[in-house]
Structure formats: structure tokens, C-alpha cells
C-alpha atoms as a PDB file:
ATOM      1  CA  MET A   1      -0.001   0.143  -0.105  1.00  0.00           C
ATOM      2  CA  ASN A   2       3.224   2.132   0.498  1.00  0.00           C
ATOM      3  CA  ALA A   3       6.622   2.405  -1.436  1.00  0.00           C
ATOM      4  CA  PRO A   4       8.552  -0.296   0.595  1.00  0.00           C
ATOM      5  CA  ILE A   5      11.239   1.347   2.802  1.00  0.00           C
ATOM      6  CA  GLN A   6      14.199  -1.122   2.950  1.00  0.00           C
ATOM      7  CA  ASP A   7      17.280   1.328   2.561  1.00  0.00           C
ATOM      8  CA  TRP A   8      17.667   3.514   5.306  1.00  0.00           C
ATOM      9  CA  GLN A   9      20.922   5.061   4.341  1.00  0.00           C
ATOM     10  CA  GLY A  10      21.070   8.936   4.386  1.00  0.00           C
ATOM     11  CA  ARG A  11      17.494   9.177   4.937  1.00  0.00           C
ATOM     12  CA  ARG A  12      16.274  11.887   7.074  1.00  0.00           C
ATOM     13  CA  VAL A  13      14.101  10.876   9.826  1.00  0.00           C
ATOM     14  CA  TRP A  14      12.288  12.936  12.456  1.00  0.00           C
ATOM     15  CA  LEU A  15      10.950  11.134  15.606  1.00  0.00           C
ATOM     16  CA  VAL A  16       8.519  13.119  17.498  1.00  0.00           C
ATOM     17  CA  GLY A  17       8.412  11.583  21.257  1.00  0.00           C
ATOM     18  CA  ALA A  18      11.093   9.185  21.419  1.00  0.00           C
ATOM     19  CA  SER A  19      13.137   9.666  24.412  1.00  0.00           C
ATOM     20  CA  SER A  20      12.212   6.501  25.835  1.00  0.00           C
ATOM     21  CA  GLY A  21      10.284   3.280  24.947  1.00  0.00           C
ATOM     22  CA  ILE A  22       9.109   2.437  21.284  1.00  0.00           C
ATOM     23  CA  GLY A  23      10.256   5.820  19.949  1.00  0.00           C
ATOM     24  CA  LEU A  24      13.922   5.462  21.443  1.00  0.00           C
ATOM     25  CA  ALA A  25      14.135   1.899  20.227  1.00  0.00           C
ATOM     26  CA  CYS A  26      13.286   3.190  16.507  1.00  0.00           C
ATOM     27  CA  ALA A  27      15.792   6.018  16.479  1.00  0.00           C
ATOM     28  CA  LYS A  28      18.318   3.318  17.514  1.00  0.00           C
ATOM     29  CA  ALA A  29      17.374   0.944  15.217  1.00  0.00           C
ATOM     30  CA  LEU A  30      16.884   3.508  12.140  1.00  0.00           C
ATOM     31  CA  HIS A  31      20.356   5.082  13.107  1.00  0.00           C
ATOM     32  CA  ALA A  32      21.898   1.667  12.996  1.00  0.00           C
ATOM     33  CA  ALA A  33      20.364   1.190   9.727  1.00  0.00           C
ATOM     34  CA  GLY A  34      22.058   4.205   8.262  1.00  0.00           C
ATOM     35  CA  ALA A  35      19.438   7.114   8.388  1.00  0.00           C
ATOM     36  CA  GLN A  36      20.272  10.735   9.500  1.00  0.00           C
ATOM     37  CA  VAL A  37      18.065  10.678  12.882  1.00  0.00           C
ATOM     38  CA  ILE A  38      16.416  13.836  14.426  1.00  0.00           C
ATOM     39  CA  VAL A  39      15.023  13.196  17.744  1.00  0.00           C
ATOM     40  CA  SER A  40      12.371  15.474  19.723  1.00  0.00           C
ATOM     41  CA  ALA A  41      11.090  15.132  22.875  1.00  0.00           C
ATOM     42  CA  ARG A  42      10.393  17.146  26.061  1.00  0.00           C
ATOM     43  CA  ASP A  43      13.178  15.456  27.823  1.00  0.00           C
ATOM     44  CA  LEU A  44      16.360  15.149  25.918  1.00  0.00           C
ATOM     45  CA  GLY A  45      18.258  14.325  28.904  1.00  0.00           C
ATOM     46  CA  THR A  46      18.031  10.591  28.662  1.00  0.00           C
ATOM     47  CA  LEU A  47      19.503  10.502  24.856  1.00  0.00           C
ATOM     48  CA  SER A  48      22.397  12.640  25.676  1.00  0.00           C
ATOM     49  CA  GLU A  49      24.728   9.515  26.564  1.00  0.00           C
ATOM     50  CA  TRP A  50      23.589   7.637  23.381  1.00  0.00           C
ATOM     51  CA  ALA A  51      23.596  11.023  21.222  1.00  0.00           C
ATOM     52  CA  ALA A  52      27.438  11.702  22.737  1.00  0.00           C
ATOM     53  CA  THR A  53      28.426   7.905  21.737  1.00  0.00           C
ATOM     54  CA  CYS A  54      27.130   8.172  18.199  1.00  0.00           C
ATOM     55  CA  LYS A  55      28.930  11.572  17.751  1.00  0.00           C
ATOM     56  CA  SER A  56      32.386   9.978  18.947  1.00  0.00           C
ATOM     57  CA  GLN A  57      31.631   7.637  16.523  1.00  0.00           C
ATOM     58  CA  GLY A  58      31.452  10.095  13.506  1.00  0.00           C
ATOM     59  CA  LEU A  59      27.584   9.400  13.466  1.00  0.00           C
ATOM     60  CA  PRO A  60      25.938  12.229  15.047  1.00  0.00           C
ATOM     61  CA  VAL A  61      22.147  12.374  16.055  1.00  0.00           C
ATOM     62  CA  GLU A  62      20.511  15.561  16.066  1.00  0.00           C
ATOM     63  CA  LEU A  63      18.269  16.222  19.243  1.00  0.00           C
ATOM     64  CA  LEU A  64      15.560  18.904  19.037  1.00  0.00           C
ATOM     65  CA  SER A  65      13.640  19.592  22.454  1.00  0.00           C
ATOM     66  CA  LEU A  66      10.035  19.854  21.717  1.00  0.00           C
ATOM     67  CA  ASP A  67       6.747  20.100  24.087  1.00  0.00           C
ATOM     68  CA  VAL A  68       4.143  19.150  21.580  1.00  0.00           C
ATOM     69  CA  THR A  69       1.170  20.884  23.366  1.00  0.00           C
ATOM     70  CA  ASP A  70       3.038  24.233  22.450  1.00  0.00           C
ATOM     71  CA  ALA A  71       2.020  25.258  19.276  1.00  0.00           C
ATOM     72  CA  LEU A  72       4.614  27.792  18.557  1.00  0.00           C
ATOM     73  CA  GLN A  73       7.265  25.378  19.681  1.00  0.00           C
ATOM     74  CA  VAL A  74       6.304  23.090  17.237  1.00  0.00           C
ATOM     75  CA  LYS A  75       6.406  25.411  14.553  1.00  0.00           C
ATOM     76  CA  TYR A  76       9.711  26.540  15.341  1.00  0.00           C
ATOM     77  CA  VAL A  77      11.281  23.015  15.442  1.00  0.00           C
ATOM     78  CA  ALA A  78       9.734  21.942  12.313  1.00  0.00           C
ATOM     79  CA  ARG A  79      11.313  25.029  10.745  1.00  0.00           C
ATOM     80  CA  GLN A  80      14.714  23.848  12.140  1.00  0.00           C
ATOM     81  CA  VAL A  81      14.116  20.299  10.350  1.00  0.00           C
ATOM     82  CA  ALA A  82      13.228  22.019   7.310  1.00  0.00           C
ATOM     83  CA  ALA A  83      16.321  24.321   7.214  1.00  0.00           C
ATOM     84  CA  GLY A  84      18.436  20.875   7.493  1.00  0.00           C
ATOM     85  CA  GLY A  85      17.138  19.547   3.905  1.00  0.00           C
ATOM     86  CA  LYS A  86      14.558  17.411   2.607  1.00  0.00           C
ATOM     87  CA  LEU A  87      12.632  15.342   5.236  1.00  0.00           C
ATOM     88  CA  ASP A  88      12.195  11.464   4.014  1.00  0.00           C
ATOM     89  CA  PHE A  89      10.259  10.346   7.179  1.00  0.00           C
ATOM     90  CA  LEU A  90       8.088  11.544   9.937  1.00  0.00           C
ATOM     91  CA  LEU A  91       7.187   9.048  13.059  1.00  0.00           C
ATOM     92  CA  TYR A  92       4.875  10.617  15.623  1.00  0.00           C
ATOM     93  CA  CYS A  93       5.294   8.429  18.810  1.00  0.00           C
ATOM     94  CA  ALA A  94       4.756  11.024  21.710  1.00  0.00           C
ATOM     95  CA  GLY A  95       2.085   9.586  24.118  1.00  0.00           C
ATOM     96  CA  HIS A  96       0.264   9.985  27.316  1.00  0.00           C
ATOM     97  CA  TYR A  97      -1.289   7.143  29.443  1.00  0.00           C
ATOM     98  CA  ARG A  98      -2.936   6.769  32.750  1.00  0.00           C
ATOM     99  CA  ALA A  99      -5.179   4.092  33.339  1.00  0.00           C
ATOM    100  CA  GLN A 100      -8.773   5.508  33.990  1.00  0.00           C
ATOM    101  CA  ARG A 101     -12.363   4.293  34.410  1.00  0.00           C
ATOM    102  CA  ALA A 102     -15.674   6.326  34.776  1.00  0.00           C
ATOM    103  CA  THR A 103     -15.935   5.601  38.581  1.00  0.00           C
ATOM    104  CA  ASP A 104     -12.775   7.868  39.130  1.00  0.00           C
ATOM    105  CA  PHE A 105     -13.295  10.385  36.254  1.00  0.00           C
ATOM    106  CA  ASP A 106     -10.389  13.045  36.029  1.00  0.00           C
ATOM    107  CA  LEU A 107     -11.040  15.776  33.155  1.00  0.00           C
ATOM    108  CA  THR A 108      -7.726  17.412  33.400  1.00  0.00           C
ATOM    109  CA  ASP A 109      -6.092  13.983  32.599  1.00  0.00           C
ATOM    110  CA  MET A 110      -8.671  13.175  30.068  1.00  0.00           C
ATOM    111  CA  LEU A 111      -7.818  16.481  28.444  1.00  0.00           C
ATOM    112  CA  ARG A 112      -3.958  15.836  28.924  1.00  0.00           C
ATOM    113  CA  HIS A 113      -4.426  12.940  26.859  1.00  0.00           C
ATOM    114  CA  GLN A 114      -6.091  14.286  23.955  1.00  0.00           C
ATOM    115  CA  ASP A 115      -3.483  17.289  23.916  1.00  0.00           C
ATOM    116  CA  VAL A 116      -0.542  15.081  23.700  1.00  0.00           C
ATOM    117  CA  ASN A 117      -1.732  11.918  21.782  1.00  0.00           C
ATOM    118  CA  TYR A 118      -4.066  13.691  19.200  1.00  0.00           C
ATOM    119  CA  ASN A 119      -3.863  17.652  19.457  1.00  0.00           C
ATOM    120  CA  GLY A 120      -0.082  17.126  19.136  1.00  0.00           C
ATOM    121  CA  LEU A 121      -0.173  15.176  16.334  1.00  0.00           C
ATOM    122  CA  LEU A 122      -2.060  17.772  14.418  1.00  0.00           C
ATOM    123  CA  ARG A 123      -0.015  20.476  15.265  1.00  0.00           C
ATOM    124  CA  VAL A 124       3.094  18.357  14.085  1.00  0.00           C
ATOM    125  CA  LEU A 125       0.934  17.604  11.009  1.00  0.00           C
ATOM    126  CA  ASP A 126       0.160  21.418  10.407  1.00  0.00           C
ATOM    127  CA  ALA A 127       3.934  21.921  10.228  1.00  0.00           C
ATOM    128  CA  VAL A 128       5.198  19.156   7.962  1.00  0.00           C
ATOM    129  CA  LEU A 129       1.951  18.429   5.576  1.00  0.00           C
ATOM    130  CA  PRO A 130       3.253  21.552   3.507  1.00  0.00           C
ATOM    131  CA  MET A 131       6.889  20.211   3.351  1.00  0.00           C
ATOM    132  CA  PHE A 132       5.911  16.879   2.226  1.00  0.00           C
ATOM    133  CA  LEU A 133       3.580  18.020  -0.220  1.00  0.00           C
ATOM    134  CA  GLN A 134       6.001  20.699  -1.696  1.00  0.00           C
ATOM    135  CA  GLN A 135       8.462  17.667  -1.845  1.00  0.00           C
ATOM    136  CA  GLY A 136       6.111  15.251  -3.382  1.00  0.00           C
ATOM    137  CA  SER A 137       7.550  12.467  -1.382  1.00  0.00           C
ATOM    138  CA  GLY A 138       8.118  11.258   2.214  1.00  0.00           C
ATOM    139  CA  HIS A 139       6.401   9.260   4.524  1.00  0.00           C
ATOM    140  CA  ILE A 140       4.251  10.081   7.730  1.00  0.00           C
ATOM    141  CA  SER A 141       4.017   7.265  10.075  1.00  0.00           C
ATOM    142  CA  VAL A 142       1.907   7.369  13.603  1.00  0.00           C
ATOM    143  CA  VAL A 143       2.140   5.199  16.770  1.00  0.00           C
ATOM    144  CA  SER A 144      -1.803   4.522  17.456  1.00  0.00           C
ATOM    145  CA  SER A 145      -2.629   1.450  19.626  1.00  0.00           C
ATOM    146  CA  VAL A 146      -4.845  -1.809  19.896  1.00  0.00           C
ATOM    147  CA  ALA A 147      -6.541   0.102  22.648  1.00  0.00           C
ATOM    148  CA  GLY A 148      -8.166   2.415  20.372  1.00  0.00           C
ATOM    149  CA  TRP A 149      -9.782  -0.463  18.103  1.00  0.00           C
ATOM    150  CA  ARG A 150     -12.700  -0.855  20.784  1.00  0.00           C
ATOM    151  CA  GLY A 151     -13.331   0.518  24.140  1.00  0.00           C
ATOM    152  CA  LEU A 152     -11.488  -1.478  26.820  1.00  0.00           C
ATOM    153  CA  PRO A 153     -11.559  -1.264  31.026  1.00  0.00           C
ATOM    154  CA  ASN A 154      -8.812   1.319  32.173  1.00  0.00           C
ATOM    155  CA  GLY A 155      -8.933   2.782  28.786  1.00  0.00           C
ATOM    156  CA  LEU A 156     -11.472   5.721  28.930  1.00  0.00           C
ATOM    157  CA  ALA A 157      -8.898   8.738  28.500  1.00  0.00           C
ATOM    158  CA  TYR A 158      -6.452   6.806  26.320  1.00  0.00           C
ATOM    159  CA  GLY A 159      -8.589   4.663  24.030  1.00  0.00           C
ATOM    160  CA  PRO A 160     -10.465   7.602  22.340  1.00  0.00           C
ATOM    161  CA  THR A 161      -7.343   9.288  21.756  1.00  0.00           C
ATOM    162  CA  LYS A 162      -5.681   6.679  19.802  1.00  0.00           C
ATOM    163  CA  ALA A 163      -9.080   5.827  18.057  1.00  0.00           C
ATOM    164  CA  ALA A 164      -8.734   9.410  16.866  1.00  0.00           C
ATOM    165  CA  VAL A 165      -5.133   8.788  15.712  1.00  0.00           C
ATOM    166  CA  THR A 166      -5.800   5.459  13.718  1.00  0.00           C
ATOM    167  CA  HIS A 167      -8.771   7.770  12.047  1.00  0.00           C
ATOM    168  CA  VAL A 168      -6.623  10.485  11.023  1.00  0.00           C
ATOM    169  CA  ALA A 169      -3.944   8.259   9.617  1.00  0.00           C
ATOM    170  CA  GLU A 170      -6.791   6.202   7.436  1.00  0.00           C
ATOM    171  CA  THR A 171      -7.792   9.598   5.897  1.00  0.00           C
ATOM    172  CA  LEU A 172      -4.504  10.743   5.388  1.00  0.00           C
ATOM    173  CA  TYR A 173      -3.457   7.596   3.454  1.00  0.00           C
ATOM    174  CA  MET A 174      -6.721   8.298   1.138  1.00  0.00           C
ATOM    175  CA  ASP A 175      -5.948  12.041   0.901  1.00  0.00           C
ATOM    176  CA  LEU A 176      -1.987  11.494   0.159  1.00  0.00           C
ATOM    177  CA  GLN A 177      -1.307   8.159  -1.710  1.00  0.00           C
ATOM    178  CA  ASP A 178      -1.496  10.198  -5.265  1.00  0.00           C
ATOM    179  CA  LYS A 179       0.611  12.960  -4.053  1.00  0.00           C
ATOM    180  CA  GLY A 180       3.831  10.431  -3.524  1.00  0.00           C
ATOM    181  CA  ILE A 181       3.506  10.730   0.170  1.00  0.00           C
ATOM    182  CA  GLY A 182       2.960   7.120   2.126  1.00  0.00           C
ATOM    183  CA  VAL A 183       1.286   6.982   5.455  1.00  0.00           C
ATOM    184  CA  SER A 184       1.283   4.029   8.066  1.00  0.00           C
ATOM    185  CA  VAL A 185      -0.455   3.561  11.432  1.00  0.00           C
ATOM    186  CA  VAL A 186       1.327   1.508  14.197  1.00  0.00           C
ATOM    187  CA  ASN A 187      -0.669  -0.297  16.470  1.00  0.00           C
ATOM    188  CA  PRO A 188       1.308  -2.542  19.212  1.00  0.00           C
ATOM    189  CA  GLY A 189       0.110  -4.774  21.702  1.00  0.00           C
ATOM    190  CA  PHE A 190       1.595  -4.674  24.929  1.00  0.00           C
ATOM    191  CA  VAL A 191       5.229  -3.351  25.133  1.00  0.00           C
ATOM    192  CA  ALA A 192       7.390  -3.125  28.038  1.00  0.00           C
ATOM    193  CA  THR A 193       7.922   0.938  28.406  1.00  0.00           C
ATOM    194  CA  PRO A 194       7.753   3.389  31.188  1.00  0.00           C
ATOM    195  CA  LEU A 195       4.192   3.971  30.273  1.00  0.00           C
ATOM    196  CA  THR A 196       2.926   0.079  30.569  1.00  0.00           C
ATOM    197  CA  ALA A 197       5.376  -0.167  33.765  1.00  0.00           C
ATOM    198  CA  GLN A 198       2.185   1.383  35.813  1.00  0.00           C
ATOM    199  CA  ASN A 199      -0.055  -1.443  34.410  1.00  0.00           C
ATOM    200  CA  ASN A 200      -0.860  -3.623  37.545  1.00  0.00           C
ATOM    201  CA  PHE A 201      -2.030  -6.768  35.599  1.00  0.00           C
ATOM    202  CA  GLN A 202      -0.484  -9.386  33.553  1.00  0.00           C
ATOM    203  CA  MET A 203       0.184  -8.102  30.042  1.00  0.00           C
ATOM    204  CA  PRO A 204      -0.267 -11.128  27.205  1.00  0.00           C
ATOM    205  CA  ALA A 205       2.512 -11.233  24.757  1.00  0.00           C
ATOM    206  CA  LEU A 206       4.656  -8.445  26.288  1.00  0.00           C
ATOM    207  CA  LEU A 207       7.286  -7.304  23.785  1.00  0.00           C
ATOM    208  CA  SER A 208      10.193  -5.261  24.503  1.00  0.00           C
ATOM    209  CA  PRO A 209      10.580  -1.807  22.682  1.00  0.00           C
ATOM    210  CA  GLU A 210      13.248  -3.441  20.603  1.00  0.00           C
ATOM    211  CA  GLN A 211      11.114  -6.143  19.287  1.00  0.00           C
ATOM    212  CA  ALA A 212       8.736  -3.536  18.677  1.00  0.00           C
ATOM    213  CA  ALA A 213      11.202  -1.345  16.621  1.00  0.00           C
ATOM    214  CA  GLU A 214      12.001  -4.520  14.684  1.00  0.00           C
ATOM    215  CA  ALA A 215       8.742  -5.154  13.820  1.00  0.00           C
ATOM    216  CA  MET A 216       7.845  -1.785  12.541  1.00  0.00           C
ATOM    217  CA  LEU A 217      11.253  -1.244  10.108  1.00  0.00           C
ATOM    218  CA  ALA A 218       9.877  -5.032   9.172  1.00  0.00           C
ATOM    219  CA  GLY A 219       6.392  -3.472   8.248  1.00  0.00           C
ATOM    220  CA  TRP A 220       7.749  -0.083   6.743  1.00  0.00           C
ATOM    221  CA  SER A 221       9.955  -2.646   4.537  1.00  0.00           C
ATOM    222  CA  GLN A 222       6.619  -4.399   3.318  1.00  0.00           C
ATOM    223  CA  GLY A 223       4.957  -1.020   2.472  1.00  0.00           C
ATOM    224  CA  LEU A 224       2.372  -1.770   4.884  1.00  0.00           C
ATOM    225  CA  PHE A 225      -0.208   0.707   6.274  1.00  0.00           C
ATOM    226  CA  ASP A 226      -1.426  -1.393   9.275  1.00  0.00           C
ATOM    227  CA  ILE A 227       1.550  -2.458  11.155  1.00  0.00           C
ATOM    228  CA  HIS A 228       0.389  -4.545  14.224  1.00  0.00           C
ATOM    229  CA  PHE A 229       2.383  -6.552  16.578  1.00  0.00           C
ATOM    230  CA  PRO A 230       2.549  -9.243  17.811  1.00  0.00           C
ATOM    231  CA  LYS A 231       0.329 -10.978  15.656  1.00  0.00           C
ATOM    232  CA  ARG A 232      -0.474 -13.553  18.021  1.00  0.00           C
ATOM    233  CA  PHE A 233      -2.224 -11.091  20.252  1.00  0.00           C
ATOM    234  CA  THR A 234      -3.392  -8.356  17.852  1.00  0.00           C
ATOM    235  CA  GLY A 235      -4.826 -11.115  15.423  1.00  0.00           C
ATOM    236  CA  TRP A 236      -7.004 -12.032  18.153  1.00  0.00           C
ATOM    237  CA  LEU A 237      -8.308  -8.424  18.716  1.00  0.00           C
ATOM    238  CA  LYS A 238      -8.785  -7.868  15.112  1.00  0.00           C
ATOM    239  CA  LEU A 239     -11.311 -10.672  15.262  1.00  0.00           C
ATOM    240  CA  MET A 240     -13.135  -9.474  18.388  1.00  0.00           C
ATOM    241  CA  ARG A 241     -13.525  -6.063  16.434  1.00  0.00           C
ATOM    242  CA  LEU A 242     -16.084  -8.065  14.459  1.00  0.00           C
ATOM    243  CA  LEU A 243     -18.200  -9.003  17.475  1.00  0.00           C
ATOM    244  CA  PRO A 244     -21.762  -7.595  18.407  1.00  0.00           C
ATOM    245  CA  TYR A 245     -21.387  -5.772  21.461  1.00  0.00           C
ATOM    246  CA  ARG A 246     -23.107  -8.169  23.314  1.00  0.00           C
ATOM    247  CA  ALA A 247     -20.694 -10.923  22.885  1.00  0.00           C
ATOM    248  CA  TYR A 248     -17.683  -8.258  23.074  1.00  0.00           C
ATOM    249  CA  PHE A 249     -18.637  -6.974  26.177  1.00  0.00           C
ATOM    250  CA  ALA A 250     -19.268 -10.085  27.956  1.00  0.00           C
ATOM    251  CA  LEU A 251     -15.902 -11.400  26.495  1.00  0.00           C
ATOM    252  CA  VAL A 252     -14.063  -8.588  27.933  1.00  0.00           C
ATOM    253  CA  ARG A 253     -15.640  -8.973  31.558  1.00  0.00           C
ATOM    254  CA  ARG A 254     -14.711 -12.479  31.590  1.00  0.00           C
ATOM    255  CA  PHE A 255     -11.115 -12.130  30.593  1.00  0.00           C
ATOM    256  CA  THR A 256     -10.129  -8.932  32.360  1.00  0.00           C
ATOM    257  CA  GLY A 257     -12.406  -9.672  35.502  1.00  0.00           C
ATOM    258  CA  LEU A 258     -13.793  -6.046  35.571  1.00  0.00           C
END
């Protein structure tokens, strides 16, 4: 569905929200594959040691501090990225997650999820779409989640934002496929990151960030639009999306105990 990306040598890649977890693992994997990596995040301190090591090896990584909730800062950093030359690939992986149920509704945190996971993406798209359209090339990939496929317990704040991200990716694909611009959406299952570390339940088919990054690069190399993993978990969730509500609600309650 997209042009396969199998050679990353010399490609300029901007990763937004990559200070840890999946984003950082992808940054390292893409850098190792020969990409010119630009990493943006609110906290770049955790990246400084890796960046210093890369620089000492003659393979520098560019670090640009960015808070995706700040519209002016997004525009400023995007201009810095554009000034460095053609942008070949954007990965939006900024994310906020806190478990929430309706019995403990927290509006402030609900809106925080929206501002980082969804509005942040819109701010970045507003800044980079003109770049890609002018070039007539490039690829936009967004990290969503299987939590956005259907409603799940503890996902009251997180799930709806990821459903919105997936919807945006689907529409972007239809709008941009004839413009020479690729679009993909990444729907991970459970990955061991600082965000999922707060979960107090057993996470089935848990992957490491490095395994997630490997699956993502494999998906991009195949030109996939929908990159989801691990299949042994996400495959069942895809089937559950087809169930009528009565059966779906009963099945979720049975397996979660909630």
C-alpha cells in the first residue's frame, strides 16, 4: 500500500516523542540502519549519553527539544528540521497514558491525553504536511494502539485518543497516496515501556521496545499501512472487533475480571 522502505542509508528521519520506549528503540534501529536521525522530546536528558556515543563514532544524532502541546514551539522546531534539508520520514510517537475508569473520572487527565496523543499530532501535521506536499515525497507514520480498536476497561482516557489517531491516519492515506506521500499507522500490543510499567495486571504477549522497533521496520520494508504486533495477540483483537456488542462486552469482562 506504500512504497517499501528497505534502504534507510542517508534518509532524514524525524522522530517526535522518542526519549524512551518504542520511540527511542526506533531511533536507535533507524540510526543503525544508516538514517540521519533527528529526535525530539520534552526531556532530552535521557538521550544525551547515546547521542554523545554516536557523535564520537562520527555518526551524530540531532536532538531538538520539543513539547508537542506548545503550538509555537512545534512550528519553530519544524522550521529547524526543514532548514536542514529534505525530510524523508516522520514518526509521531509522543504519547501520554494513565489508566482511568468512569468511576474515577479525571477531566484534567482526559484532556492531557487529548492534548498530547491527538492534538500534538495535529500540530506536527500542520507543520510538516506543507513540506511533504511541496516535495511530492516522504512518509508519515503514527504510533496508535490496539487500545483504540474498541473500548477497553481502564482505557477511558487513552483509548479514544488512539482511535482518533488511527482515523486520522486512514484519512491521510486516502488523501496523500496519489501525492507521492506514504502513510502508515502502528498499532502495538503490550510493549514494556515507562507507560505500561504502571499497569497492575499481567500483560499478554509482552514485547520489548527493541522487538517493537524490529516489527515496525519490517512493516515499513513491506510497504504496509497497518503495522500491528505481535500477531498472536493483535490477530485475536482484530477478530473481536467483528463481534456484536453483547458478545464483545461479555468476553472482555470474562478475561479482565472488570
